[in-house]
Amino acid sequence: MVSATVVRGTAMATALVSLLAVPAHAVSGAGKPGAAAIDARGAAKAAAEAGALPAPDVTGVWNVLRTAQRQGAPGAIARLDDRGSVHWAAVGVADRRARRAISNADRFRIGSVTKVFSAVVLLQLADEKKLRLDAPVNRYLPGLLPDDRITVRHVLSHRSGLYDYTNDMFARTVPGFEAVRGKVFTYRQLVNRSLSKPRTTGPGGAYSYSNTNFVVAGMLIEKLTGHSVRTEYQNRIIKPLKLADTFYVHPGKKIPGRHTRGYLTPDAAGAALVDATEQTVSWAQSAGAVISSTRDLNTFLSALLGGRLTSKAQLAQMQRWVPAGGTQAYGLGLRRRDLSCGVSVYGHTGAVQGYYTYAFASKDGKRALSALANASNNGALHNTMLTTLESAFCGKQAKKSGRTATPVESARGHRSGKPAGR
């Protein structure tokens, strides 16, 4: 029997409810979380490599969400799938006006977790011999880029040197958002915004995060398949994995079905939150416009890391890491985070106006955590949400390490938590 727990918080109390069943689409599998009390980083790492992880600290995840709420998020949720056990945690509200409680049944904008979807499609095309990772982008999109040395691999690993056009677009958070929330851009318009600025590095240089790279990825998908990215996401990922809450609605503005509203924090301290729920996300598209849920994100990452979406060879390419600052590394549309207990987790973060997402899984995909705060442009809140990973993958032993997490990068490469599909 699959087991599940729900942790739901209020300002007054915590209720822990044991359930007898979970939805049929929950990740199944035998075995129990191992190494419930691992005190040394080396032991934890060895255990993780052997397929065992420290037991998750579910209450710790809930406490992180409560902290995020105190720091300005109207609501926060998390779902942990762990070898047949499922845990949900939720605090606060999905809608500040209606005061509806937030829930893991809610859909939300996932921001840059979209990049993993785009990378998977391109790696599948590489499996189909329609794409070579080390071929120049201009081979497939003649004349698009000013340098024939920029390869598909450089784009997917953020080593192309292409300037991130969102740096200027959202230099002022709320005015920048209001200027684009209803606009519809072409891919080429977004790329041209980037090309009007000097490149940040030569092709194959150091990692430099840029949404431009995954706009180019979207162009590659559509050129090589003859279909929209929506169709390719649907046919290659959403339908095969039965992701009932996952959509690409661009240029539509609304989130289908039950969803949490998203709130943008203005730059001015103390200013009222801005409801940013309805927008085209045309400024991001294949870099950050997918809608999903915690359930679907865990299913997606478990399938990817479990080898069910690409060949073993292409999954290995996806995990050819380059340094990405602090305790992070980046592969091909996939981020690795190294935690305090020596465990590494794989996935992506996502910032889009009103929403901040963490979606990561273990090396084998058998433990996955997705967490959301329905607020953005709040650096303290974003750094707090990072610690959901410590509780979920390192358990209670993480509190003994004394190691501090690397602050999240902002959309502009700073540490303020600006939105840009990060």
Protein backbone atom coordinates (compact mmCIF):
# COMPACT_ATOMS: atom_id res chain seq x y z
CA MET A 1 0.00 0.00 0.00
CA VAL A 2 1.26 3.44 -0.85
CA SER A 3 1.32 5.79 2.10
CA ALA A 4 0.79 9.52 2.30
CA THR A 5 0.90 12.26 4.86
CA VAL A 6 -0.46 15.76 4.78
CA VAL A 7 1.01 18.61 6.78
CA ARG A 8 -1.18 21.70 6.78
CA GLY A 9 -0.34 24.70 8.85
CA THR A 10 -2.06 27.71 10.32
CA ALA A 11 -0.68 30.40 12.57
CA MET A 12 -2.13 28.50 15.53
CA ALA A 13 -1.39 24.84 14.98
CA THR A 14 -0.02 22.04 12.85
CA ALA A 15 -2.08 19.02 11.92
CA LEU A 16 -0.48 15.80 10.74
CA VAL A 17 -2.94 13.46 9.06
CA SER A 18 -2.13 9.92 7.93
CA LEU A 19 -4.00 8.78 4.84
CA LEU A 20 -4.50 5.32 3.42
CA ALA A 21 -4.23 6.11 -0.28
CA VAL A 22 -2.90 8.62 -2.75
CA PRO A 23 -3.87 9.37 -6.37
CA ALA A 24 -3.05 6.61 -8.81
CA HIS A 25 -0.47 8.75 -10.56
CA ALA A 26 1.75 9.03 -7.46
CA VAL A 27 5.22 7.58 -7.96
CA SER A 28 5.27 3.94 -6.97
CA GLY A 29 8.14 1.79 -5.84
CA ALA A 30 9.33 -0.52 -3.13
CA GLY A 31 11.75 0.21 -0.37
CA LYS A 32 12.09 2.60 2.52
CA PRO A 33 14.13 5.79 2.90
CA GLY A 34 17.42 4.66 4.38
CA ALA A 35 20.03 6.06 6.74
CA ALA A 36 17.68 7.81 9.11
CA ALA A 37 20.50 9.21 11.22
CA ILE A 38 23.56 10.04 9.16
CA ASP A 39 25.85 12.49 10.90
CA ALA A 40 28.76 12.86 8.50
CA ARG A 41 28.74 14.36 5.04
CA GLY A 42 30.96 11.57 3.72
CA ALA A 43 28.66 8.87 5.02
CA ALA A 44 25.62 10.62 3.58
CA LYS A 45 27.28 10.94 0.20
CA ALA A 46 28.26 7.28 0.18
CA ALA A 47 24.74 6.30 1.14
CA ALA A 48 23.26 8.48 -1.57
CA GLU A 49 25.55 6.93 -4.18
CA ALA A 50 24.39 3.50 -3.00
CA GLY A 51 20.79 4.50 -3.58
CA ALA A 52 19.86 5.37 0.01
CA LEU A 53 19.16 8.83 1.36
CA PRO A 54 18.72 10.23 4.86
CA ALA A 55 15.08 10.03 5.91
CA PRO A 56 13.29 13.23 4.92
CA ASP A 57 12.30 15.75 7.56
CA VAL A 58 8.71 16.46 6.49
CA THR A 59 8.03 18.72 9.44
CA GLY A 60 11.18 20.63 8.52
CA VAL A 61 9.76 21.25 5.04
CA TRP A 62 6.58 22.59 6.59
CA ASN A 63 8.59 24.88 8.89
CA VAL A 64 10.39 26.31 5.85
CA LEU A 65 7.03 27.11 4.25
CA ARG A 66 5.88 28.84 7.44
CA THR A 67 9.04 30.96 7.39
CA ALA A 68 8.41 31.85 3.75
CA GLN A 69 4.91 32.96 4.68
CA ARG A 70 6.26 35.20 7.44
CA GLN A 71 8.70 36.69 4.91
CA GLY A 72 5.96 37.83 2.57
CA ALA A 73 4.53 34.90 0.59
CA PRO A 74 0.72 34.76 0.83
CA GLY A 75 1.03 30.99 0.54
CA ALA A 76 3.52 28.17 0.01
CA ILE A 77 3.24 24.48 -0.85
CA ALA A 78 5.49 21.46 -1.21
CA ARG A 79 5.09 17.87 -2.31
CA LEU A 80 7.63 15.13 -1.63
CA ASP A 81 7.44 11.81 -3.49
CA ASP A 82 9.72 9.20 -1.97
CA ARG A 83 9.65 5.59 -3.18
CA GLY A 84 5.92 5.11 -2.72
CA SER A 85 5.40 7.57 0.12
CA VAL A 86 3.89 10.97 -0.64
CA HIS A 87 3.93 13.99 1.66
CA TRP A 88 2.13 17.29 1.13
CA ALA A 89 2.67 20.53 3.03
CA ALA A 90 0.75 23.78 2.60
CA VAL A 91 0.47 27.10 4.44
CA GLY A 92 -1.37 30.32 3.71
CA VAL A 93 -3.66 31.33 0.87
CA ALA A 94 -3.87 30.95 -2.89
CA ASP A 95 -5.93 34.11 -3.27
CA ARG A 96 -5.49 37.10 -0.98
CA ARG A 97 -8.91 38.51 -1.81
CA ALA A 98 -10.99 35.33 -1.58
CA ARG A 99 -8.80 33.93 1.24
CA ARG A 100 -8.93 30.43 -0.26
CA ALA A 101 -6.34 28.14 1.29
CA ILE A 102 -3.48 27.18 -1.01
CA SER A 103 -3.19 23.50 -1.91
CA ASN A 104 -0.93 21.11 -3.79
CA ALA A 105 -3.90 20.61 -6.11
CA ASP A 106 -3.29 24.14 -7.40
CA ARG A 107 -1.59 24.85 -10.71
CA PHE A 108 1.00 27.61 -11.04
CA ARG A 109 3.55 29.16 -13.40
CA ILE A 110 6.86 27.27 -13.13
CA GLY A 111 9.21 29.84 -14.69
CA SER A 112 12.59 28.44 -15.64
CA VAL A 113 11.72 24.86 -14.79
CA THR A 114 10.38 25.18 -18.36
CA LYS A 115 14.00 25.07 -19.49
CA VAL A 116 14.21 21.41 -18.51
CA PHE A 117 11.21 20.68 -20.77
CA SER A 118 12.88 22.48 -23.69
CA ALA A 119 16.17 20.69 -23.13
CA VAL A 120 14.46 17.29 -23.01
CA VAL A 121 12.81 17.90 -26.38
CA LEU A 122 16.15 18.85 -27.96
CA LEU A 123 17.89 15.82 -26.46
CA GLN A 124 15.14 13.61 -27.86
CA LEU A 125 15.80 15.20 -31.25
CA ALA A 126 19.47 14.38 -30.78
CA ASP A 127 18.46 10.77 -30.08
CA GLU A 128 16.52 10.88 -33.36
CA LYS A 129 19.64 12.13 -35.22
CA LYS A 130 17.90 15.38 -36.13
CA LEU A 131 20.30 17.45 -34.06
CA ARG A 132 23.95 17.41 -33.04
CA LEU A 133 24.77 19.06 -29.73
CA ASP A 134 28.16 20.27 -30.95
CA ALA A 135 26.87 21.65 -34.23
CA PRO A 136 26.59 25.42 -34.65
CA VAL A 137 23.16 26.88 -33.97
CA ASN A 138 23.44 28.65 -37.31
CA ARG A 139 23.47 25.28 -39.09
CA TYR A 140 19.82 24.89 -38.13
CA LEU A 141 18.88 28.56 -37.94
CA PRO A 142 21.01 30.18 -40.66
CA GLY A 143 22.11 33.72 -39.89
CA LEU A 144 20.39 33.94 -36.51
CA LEU A 145 23.51 34.42 -34.40
CA PRO A 146 26.54 36.61 -35.12
CA ASP A 147 29.05 33.85 -34.38
CA ASP A 148 29.09 30.45 -36.10
CA ARG A 149 31.07 29.04 -33.19
CA ILE A 150 28.06 29.11 -30.85
CA THR A 151 26.83 25.53 -30.64
CA VAL A 152 23.63 23.94 -29.40
CA ARG A 153 25.56 22.69 -26.36
CA HIS A 154 26.71 26.23 -25.57
CA VAL A 155 23.12 27.44 -25.66
CA LEU A 156 21.78 24.67 -23.43
CA SER A 157 24.57 25.12 -20.86
CA HIS A 158 24.44 28.95 -20.77
CA ARG A 159 27.93 29.27 -22.28
CA SER A 160 26.97 31.03 -25.49
CA GLY A 161 27.71 34.53 -24.21
CA LEU A 162 24.33 35.77 -25.45
CA TYR A 163 23.21 38.71 -23.32
CA ASP A 164 20.09 38.20 -21.21
CA TYR A 165 17.56 40.68 -22.58
CA THR A 166 15.51 40.45 -19.36
CA ASN A 167 18.23 42.40 -17.54
CA ASP A 168 16.95 45.56 -19.20
CA MET A 169 13.32 44.49 -19.55
CA PHE A 170 12.90 44.16 -15.77
CA ALA A 171 15.42 46.72 -14.54
CA ARG A 172 12.42 48.20 -12.71
CA THR A 173 10.33 45.32 -11.49
CA VAL A 174 6.68 46.42 -11.56
CA PRO A 175 6.89 48.95 -14.44
CA GLY A 176 8.86 46.41 -16.46
CA PHE A 177 6.26 43.75 -15.86
CA GLU A 178 3.29 46.00 -16.61
CA ALA A 179 4.93 46.99 -19.90
CA VAL A 180 5.03 43.38 -21.13
CA ARG A 181 2.30 41.45 -19.27
CA GLY A 182 -0.11 41.70 -22.22
CA LYS A 183 2.41 41.78 -25.07
CA VAL A 184 3.10 39.01 -27.57
CA PHE A 185 6.67 38.78 -28.84
CA THR A 186 8.17 36.68 -31.60
CA TYR A 187 11.24 34.66 -30.74
CA ARG A 188 13.28 36.76 -33.12
CA GLN A 189 12.22 39.98 -31.42
CA LEU A 190 13.53 38.63 -28.13
CA VAL A 191 16.79 37.44 -29.67
CA ASN A 192 17.26 40.81 -31.36
CA ARG A 193 16.97 42.51 -27.96
CA SER A 194 19.86 40.35 -26.82
CA LEU A 195 21.97 40.94 -29.93
CA SER A 196 21.74 44.70 -29.48
CA LYS A 197 24.07 44.26 -26.48
CA PRO A 198 27.67 43.00 -26.29
CA ARG A 199 28.11 39.34 -25.55
CA THR A 200 29.13 38.38 -22.03
CA THR A 201 31.73 35.76 -22.98
CA GLY A 202 33.12 33.96 -25.99
CA PRO A 203 31.45 30.75 -27.20
CA GLY A 204 32.16 27.97 -24.73
CA GLY A 205 33.25 30.40 -22.03
CA ALA A 206 32.17 30.45 -18.41
CA TYR A 207 28.58 29.82 -17.40
CA SER A 208 26.51 33.01 -17.66
CA TYR A 209 22.77 32.55 -17.18
CA SER A 210 20.67 34.03 -19.99
CA ASN A 211 17.04 33.51 -20.93
CA THR A 212 18.09 34.25 -24.51
CA ASN A 213 19.64 30.80 -24.71
CA PHE A 214 16.33 29.05 -24.21
CA VAL A 215 14.50 31.34 -26.57
CA VAL A 216 16.99 30.03 -29.13
CA ALA A 217 16.18 26.51 -27.88
CA GLY A 218 12.51 27.14 -28.66
CA MET A 219 13.41 28.31 -32.15
CA LEU A 220 15.45 25.14 -32.68
CA ILE A 221 12.56 22.95 -31.56
CA GLU A 222 10.12 24.61 -33.94
CA LYS A 223 12.53 24.63 -36.90
CA LEU A 224 13.57 20.99 -36.52
CA THR A 225 10.08 19.59 -35.91
CA GLY A 226 7.89 21.94 -37.90
CA HIS A 227 5.62 22.16 -34.87
CA SER A 228 5.09 24.64 -32.04
CA VAL A 229 6.82 24.07 -28.73
CA ARG A 230 3.36 23.53 -27.26
CA THR A 231 2.80 20.57 -29.58
CA GLU A 232 6.23 19.12 -28.88
CA TYR A 233 5.87 19.45 -25.09
CA GLN A 234 2.46 17.84 -25.37
CA ASN A 235 3.44 14.92 -27.59
CA ARG A 236 6.85 14.15 -26.11
CA ILE A 237 6.38 14.83 -22.40
CA ILE A 238 2.89 15.78 -21.23
CA LYS A 239 0.88 13.00 -22.90
CA PRO A 240 3.34 10.12 -22.32
CA LEU A 241 3.67 11.00 -18.62
CA LYS A 242 -0.05 11.83 -18.23
CA LEU A 243 0.69 15.24 -16.74
CA ALA A 244 -2.88 16.39 -16.22
CA ASP A 245 -1.93 19.76 -14.73
CA THR A 246 0.75 20.80 -17.22
CA PHE A 247 0.04 23.31 -19.99
CA TYR A 248 1.70 25.72 -22.39
CA VAL A 249 -0.98 28.31 -23.12
CA HIS A 250 1.10 31.13 -24.65
CA PRO A 251 -0.09 33.64 -25.76
CA GLY A 252 -3.11 33.05 -23.52
CA LYS A 253 -3.05 34.90 -20.22
CA LYS A 254 -5.04 32.63 -17.91
CA ILE A 255 -4.05 29.54 -15.94
CA PRO A 256 -6.57 26.75 -16.68
CA GLY A 257 -8.56 25.22 -13.85
CA ARG A 258 -7.80 25.45 -10.14
CA HIS A 259 -4.70 27.55 -9.55
CA THR A 260 -2.94 29.76 -7.08
CA ARG A 261 -2.66 33.44 -7.82
CA GLY A 262 0.83 34.92 -7.98
CA TYR A 263 1.97 38.13 -6.31
CA LEU A 264 4.84 40.35 -7.41
CA THR A 265 6.78 42.26 -4.75
CA PRO A 266 7.55 45.87 -5.80
CA ASP A 267 11.09 47.20 -5.45
CA ALA A 268 9.99 49.81 -2.91
CA ALA A 269 10.02 48.37 0.60
CA GLY A 270 6.56 48.09 2.10
CA ALA A 271 4.69 48.65 -1.18
CA ALA A 272 1.57 46.56 -1.77
CA LEU A 273 1.93 43.26 -3.61
CA VAL A 274 0.85 43.26 -7.27
CA ASP A 275 -1.37 40.43 -8.55
CA ALA A 276 0.61 39.14 -11.54
CA THR A 277 -1.42 36.00 -12.23
CA GLU A 278 -2.73 36.91 -15.68
CA GLN A 279 -0.02 37.54 -18.27
CA THR A 280 1.12 36.17 -21.62
CA VAL A 281 4.63 35.29 -20.37
CA SER A 282 5.55 36.02 -23.96
CA TRP A 283 8.77 37.59 -22.74
CA ALA A 284 9.89 34.07 -21.72
CA GLN A 285 8.07 31.46 -23.87
CA SER A 286 10.30 28.35 -24.15
CA ALA A 287 12.50 29.82 -21.40
CA GLY A 288 9.76 30.05 -18.78
CA ALA A 289 6.07 29.90 -19.75
CA VAL A 290 4.93 26.40 -18.73
CA ILE A 291 2.17 25.91 -16.12
CA SER A 292 2.21 22.83 -13.88
CA SER A 293 1.67 21.45 -10.36
CA THR A 294 3.88 19.93 -7.68
CA ARG A 295 2.56 16.45 -8.57
CA ASP A 296 3.36 16.81 -12.26
CA LEU A 297 6.80 18.32 -11.68
CA ASN A 298 7.79 15.42 -9.43
CA THR A 299 6.48 12.95 -12.01
CA PHE A 300 8.44 14.72 -14.76
CA LEU A 301 11.76 14.84 -12.90
CA SER A 302 11.42 11.25 -11.70
CA ALA A 303 10.84 10.11 -15.28
CA LEU A 304 13.74 12.17 -16.62
CA LEU A 305 16.30 11.05 -14.06
CA GLY A 306 14.95 7.52 -14.17
CA GLY A 307 15.87 7.35 -17.87
CA ARG A 308 12.33 7.30 -19.27
CA LEU A 309 12.50 10.43 -21.44
CA THR A 310 15.85 10.20 -23.22
CA SER A 311 18.45 7.60 -24.01
CA LYS A 312 21.09 6.87 -21.38
CA ALA A 313 23.65 8.60 -23.59
CA GLN A 314 21.66 11.83 -23.86
CA LEU A 315 20.89 11.85 -20.13
CA ALA A 316 24.64 11.62 -19.56
CA GLN A 317 25.13 14.60 -21.88
CA MET A 318 22.55 16.51 -19.87
CA GLN A 319 24.69 15.87 -16.77
CA ARG A 320 28.02 17.09 -18.11
CA TRP A 321 28.44 19.78 -15.49
CA VAL A 322 30.08 23.18 -15.57
CA PRO A 323 30.58 25.34 -12.45
CA ALA A 324 27.64 27.69 -11.87
CA GLY A 325 28.68 29.44 -8.67
CA GLY A 326 28.82 28.32 -5.05
CA THR A 327 27.31 24.89 -4.52
CA GLN A 328 25.76 24.71 -7.99
CA ALA A 329 26.66 23.27 -11.36
CA TYR A 330 24.78 23.37 -14.68
CA GLY A 331 24.44 20.76 -17.39
CA LEU A 332 22.14 20.99 -20.41
CA GLY A 333 19.02 22.70 -19.09
CA LEU A 334 19.51 20.92 -15.77
CA ARG A 335 20.87 22.33 -12.52
CA ARG A 336 22.73 20.39 -9.84
CA ARG A 337 22.73 21.56 -6.24
CA ASP A 338 25.14 20.10 -3.68
CA LEU A 339 23.56 20.01 -0.25
CA SER A 340 25.09 20.24 3.23
CA CYS A 341 24.99 16.47 3.84
CA GLY A 342 26.94 15.63 0.68
CA VAL A 343 23.86 14.67 -1.34
CA SER A 344 23.41 16.26 -4.77
CA VAL A 345 19.98 16.94 -6.27
CA TYR A 346 19.00 17.66 -9.87
CA GLY A 347 16.33 19.90 -11.35
CA HIS A 348 15.76 23.64 -11.70
CA THR A 349 14.47 26.73 -10.00
CA GLY A 350 11.86 28.92 -11.59
CA ALA A 351 11.02 32.60 -11.08
CA VAL A 352 8.25 34.27 -13.00
CA GLN A 353 6.26 37.26 -11.78
CA GLY A 354 4.25 36.12 -8.78
CA TYR A 355 5.72 32.63 -8.44
CA TYR A 356 8.93 31.01 -7.21
CA THR A 357 9.48 27.28 -7.70
CA TYR A 358 12.04 24.69 -6.58
CA ALA A 359 11.80 21.33 -8.39
CA PHE A 360 14.59 18.81 -7.70
CA ALA A 361 15.06 15.06 -7.46
CA SER A 362 17.67 12.57 -6.37
CA LYS A 363 20.15 11.09 -8.83
CA ASP A 364 17.90 8.10 -9.54
CA GLY A 365 14.71 10.16 -9.54
CA LYS A 366 13.15 8.09 -6.77
CA ARG A 367 12.84 11.00 -4.37
CA ALA A 368 11.51 14.27 -5.75
CA LEU A 369 10.48 17.54 -4.17
CA SER A 370 8.61 20.44 -5.74
CA ALA A 371 7.92 23.55 -3.68
CA LEU A 372 6.27 26.86 -4.51
CA ALA A 373 5.86 30.26 -2.91
CA ASN A 374 3.24 32.42 -4.61
CA ALA A 375 5.37 35.58 -4.45
CA SER A 376 8.42 36.76 -6.37
CA ASN A 377 11.09 39.49 -6.24
CA ASN A 378 11.78 38.73 -2.59
CA GLY A 379 15.34 37.55 -2.09
CA ALA A 380 14.94 36.50 1.56
CA LEU A 381 11.90 34.39 0.72
CA HIS A 382 13.66 32.75 -2.22
CA ASN A 383 16.68 31.82 -0.13
CA THR A 384 14.38 30.38 2.51
CA MET A 385 12.64 28.19 -0.07
CA LEU A 386 16.04 26.74 -0.99
CA THR A 387 16.18 25.10 2.42
CA THR A 388 13.22 22.87 1.55
CA LEU A 389 15.84 20.80 -0.27
CA GLU A 390 17.90 20.38 2.89
CA SER A 391 14.94 19.06 4.87
CA ALA A 392 13.70 16.86 2.02
CA PHE A 393 17.01 15.26 1.03
CA CYS A 394 19.28 15.63 4.08
CA GLY A 395 16.65 15.22 6.79
CA LYS A 396 17.15 16.40 10.33
CA GLN A 397 20.92 15.94 10.15
CA ALA A 398 21.12 19.05 7.95
CA LYS A 399 20.52 21.18 11.03
CA LYS A 400 23.80 19.94 12.50
CA SER A 401 25.99 20.86 9.55
CA GLY A 402 26.23 24.60 10.11
CA ARG A 403 26.75 25.04 6.39
CA THR A 404 24.92 27.94 4.80
CA ALA A 405 23.30 27.74 1.40
CA THR A 406 24.40 29.83 -1.52
CA PRO A 407 21.88 32.65 -2.10
CA VAL A 408 19.78 32.27 -5.22
CA GLU A 409 20.70 34.31 -8.24
CA SER A 410 18.28 36.89 -9.49
CA ALA A 411 17.07 37.31 -13.03
CA ARG A 412 19.79 39.88 -13.55
CA GLY A 413 22.57 37.78 -12.03
CA HIS A 414 22.36 39.66 -8.73
CA ARG A 415 20.99 38.30 -5.48
CA SER A 416 17.74 40.18 -5.08
CA GLY A 417 15.37 37.60 -6.52
CA LYS A 418 14.15 39.60 -9.55
CA PRO A 419 11.83 37.62 -11.83
CA ALA A 420 12.97 36.31 -15.18
CA GLY A 421 12.12 32.65 -15.42
CA ARG A 422 15.21 31.93 -13.34
